[in-house]
């Protein structure tokens, strides 16, 4: 929740910091600001997750069955065909 709430303020600070510092801070392009905002938000979420004490009988765990990650041979063949078609289209039209 903290990451979702802090994304917009972090990006806004990065956008207006050059104006607030009279050019003392570089004016980053939009995608660079988004990358900095992403990594700052991810770091904040990691710190919050590590700071939270681990409960011994935590009921909020997710148990996964390994059979969910098995694919059929038909899916593998189909995915190779689609990737081949995409590679051919990129080769022709790039």
C-alpha atoms as a PDB file:
ATOM      1  CA  UNK A   1       0.000   0.000   0.000  1.00  0.00           C
ATOM      2  CA  UNK A   2       2.857   2.345   0.814  1.00  0.00           C
ATOM      3  CA  UNK A   3       4.368   1.813  -2.623  1.00  0.00           C
ATOM      4  CA  UNK A   4       1.125   2.641  -4.393  1.00  0.00           C
ATOM      5  CA  UNK A   5       0.638   5.791  -2.328  1.00  0.00           C
ATOM      6  CA  UNK A   6       4.225   7.029  -2.710  1.00  0.00           C
ATOM      7  CA  UNK A   7       4.609   6.585  -6.476  1.00  0.00           C
ATOM      8  CA  UNK A   8       2.930   9.858  -7.465  1.00  0.00           C
ATOM      9  CA  UNK A   9       4.617  12.064  -4.813  1.00  0.00           C
ATOM     10  CA  UNK A  10       8.070  10.675  -5.671  1.00  0.00           C
ATOM     11  CA  UNK A  11       7.517  11.361  -9.371  1.00  0.00           C
ATOM     12  CA  UNK A  12       6.152  14.856  -8.638  1.00  0.00           C
ATOM     13  CA  UNK A  13       9.173  15.707  -6.497  1.00  0.00           C
ATOM     14  CA  UNK A  14      11.492  14.545  -9.283  1.00  0.00           C
ATOM     15  CA  UNK A  15       9.550  16.653 -11.796  1.00  0.00           C
ATOM     16  CA  UNK A  16       9.545  19.903  -9.798  1.00  0.00           C
ATOM     17  CA  UNK A  17      12.910  19.601  -8.014  1.00  0.00           C
ATOM     18  CA  UNK A  18      14.805  21.423 -10.814  1.00  0.00           C
ATOM     19  CA  UNK A  19      12.396  24.372 -10.473  1.00  0.00           C
ATOM     20  CA  UNK A  20      12.589  24.384  -6.676  1.00  0.00           C
ATOM     21  CA  UNK A  21      16.423  24.321  -6.690  1.00  0.00           C
ATOM     22  CA  UNK A  22      16.795  26.886  -9.514  1.00  0.00           C
ATOM     23  CA  UNK A  23      18.484  24.388 -11.804  1.00  0.00           C
ATOM     24  CA  UNK A  24      20.650  22.817  -9.108  1.00  0.00           C
ATOM     25  CA  UNK A  25      19.049  19.441  -9.801  1.00  0.00           C
ATOM     26  CA  UNK A  26      18.927  17.979 -13.341  1.00  0.00           C
ATOM     27  CA  UNK A  27      15.668  17.914 -15.272  1.00  0.00           C
ATOM     28  CA  UNK A  28      15.173  14.234 -16.095  1.00  0.00           C
ATOM     29  CA  UNK A  29      13.066  13.012 -19.027  1.00  0.00           C
ATOM     30  CA  UNK A  30       9.785  11.271 -18.205  1.00  0.00           C
ATOM     31  CA  UNK A  31      11.018   7.685 -18.610  1.00  0.00           C
ATOM     32  CA  UNK A  32      14.093   8.371 -16.483  1.00  0.00           C
ATOM     33  CA  UNK A  33      11.878   9.837 -13.748  1.00  0.00           C
ATOM     34  CA  UNK A  34       9.663   6.751 -13.913  1.00  0.00           C
ATOM     35  CA  UNK A  35      12.689   4.456 -13.571  1.00  0.00           C
ATOM     36  CA  UNK A  36      13.990   6.408 -10.557  1.00  0.00           C
ATOM     37  CA  UNK A  37      10.494   6.440  -9.072  1.00  0.00           C
ATOM     38  CA  UNK A  38      10.161   2.671  -9.604  1.00  0.00           C
ATOM     39  CA  UNK A  39      13.458   1.853  -7.924  1.00  0.00           C
ATOM     40  CA  UNK A  40      12.785   4.240  -5.027  1.00  0.00           C
ATOM     41  CA  UNK A  41       9.320   2.747  -4.508  1.00  0.00           C
ATOM     42  CA  UNK A  42      10.692  -0.810  -4.709  1.00  0.00           C
ATOM     43  CA  UNK A  43      13.393   0.044  -2.154  1.00  0.00           C
ATOM     44  CA  UNK A  44      10.796   1.531   0.198  1.00  0.00           C
ATOM     45  CA  UNK A  45       8.597  -1.577  -0.117  1.00  0.00           C
ATOM     46  CA  UNK A  46      11.567  -3.875   0.543  1.00  0.00           C
ATOM     47  CA  UNK A  47      12.573  -1.905   3.644  1.00  0.00           C
ATOM     48  CA  UNK A  48       9.010  -1.983   4.976  1.00  0.00           C
ATOM     49  CA  UNK A  49       8.742  -5.723   4.311  1.00  0.00           C
ATOM     50  CA  UNK A  50      12.034  -6.467   6.052  1.00  0.00           C
ATOM     51  CA  UNK A  51      11.190  -4.200   9.008  1.00  0.00           C
ATOM     52  CA  UNK A  52       7.954  -6.064   9.718  1.00  0.00           C
ATOM     53  CA  UNK A  53       8.521  -8.790  12.322  1.00  0.00           C
ATOM     54  CA  UNK A  54       7.826 -12.306  11.102  1.00  0.00           C
ATOM     55  CA  UNK A  55       4.865 -13.986  12.780  1.00  0.00           C
ATOM     56  CA  UNK A  56       5.308 -17.683  13.514  1.00  0.00           C
ATOM     57  CA  UNK A  57       1.773 -18.807  12.578  1.00  0.00           C
ATOM     58  CA  UNK A  58       1.122 -16.421   9.722  1.00  0.00           C
ATOM     59  CA  UNK A  59      -2.189 -17.157   7.987  1.00  0.00           C
ATOM     60  CA  UNK A  60      -1.414 -14.867   5.023  1.00  0.00           C
ATOM     61  CA  UNK A  61       0.850 -17.321   3.224  1.00  0.00           C
ATOM     62  CA  UNK A  62       0.246 -18.545  -0.302  1.00  0.00           C
ATOM     63  CA  UNK A  63       0.785 -22.239  -0.932  1.00  0.00           C
ATOM     64  CA  UNK A  64       1.504 -23.142  -4.535  1.00  0.00           C
ATOM     65  CA  UNK A  65       1.174 -26.501  -6.181  1.00  0.00           C
ATOM     66  CA  UNK A  66       4.032 -27.226  -8.590  1.00  0.00           C
ATOM     67  CA  UNK A  67       1.608 -28.724 -11.100  1.00  0.00           C
ATOM     68  CA  UNK A  68       0.393 -25.186 -11.833  1.00  0.00           C
ATOM     69  CA  UNK A  69       3.671 -24.508 -13.661  1.00  0.00           C
ATOM     70  CA  UNK A  70       3.646 -27.559 -15.948  1.00  0.00           C
ATOM     71  CA  UNK A  71       2.767 -26.965 -19.595  1.00  0.00           C
ATOM     72  CA  UNK A  72       1.612 -29.405 -22.219  1.00  0.00           C
ATOM     73  CA  UNK A  73       3.711 -30.297 -25.271  1.00  0.00           C
ATOM     74  CA  UNK A  74       1.070 -28.668 -27.502  1.00  0.00           C
ATOM     75  CA  UNK A  75       1.538 -25.373 -25.660  1.00  0.00           C
ATOM     76  CA  UNK A  76       5.306 -25.540 -26.143  1.00  0.00           C
ATOM     77  CA  UNK A  77       4.948 -26.221 -29.871  1.00  0.00           C
ATOM     78  CA  UNK A  78       2.406 -23.419 -30.245  1.00  0.00           C
ATOM     79  CA  UNK A  79       4.601 -20.942 -28.399  1.00  0.00           C
ATOM     80  CA  UNK A  80       7.576 -21.791 -30.633  1.00  0.00           C
ATOM     81  CA  UNK A  81       5.412 -21.300 -33.721  1.00  0.00           C
ATOM     82  CA  UNK A  82       4.205 -17.905 -32.485  1.00  0.00           C
ATOM     83  CA  UNK A  83       7.746 -16.802 -31.602  1.00  0.00           C
ATOM     84  CA  UNK A  84       8.936 -17.911 -35.050  1.00  0.00           C
ATOM     85  CA  UNK A  85       6.140 -15.954 -36.730  1.00  0.00           C
ATOM     86  CA  UNK A  86       7.000 -12.855 -34.687  1.00  0.00           C
ATOM     87  CA  UNK A  87      10.692 -13.194 -35.550  1.00  0.00           C
ATOM     88  CA  UNK A  88       9.788 -13.488 -39.243  1.00  0.00           C
ATOM     89  CA  UNK A  89       7.533 -10.419 -39.084  1.00  0.00           C
ATOM     90  CA  UNK A  90      10.218  -8.375 -37.338  1.00  0.00           C
ATOM     91  CA  UNK A  91      12.798  -9.512 -39.890  1.00  0.00           C
ATOM     92  CA  UNK A  92      10.608  -8.520 -42.819  1.00  0.00           C
ATOM     93  CA  UNK A  93       9.176  -5.242 -41.541  1.00  0.00           C
ATOM     94  CA  UNK A  94      12.002  -3.768 -39.439  1.00  0.00           C
END
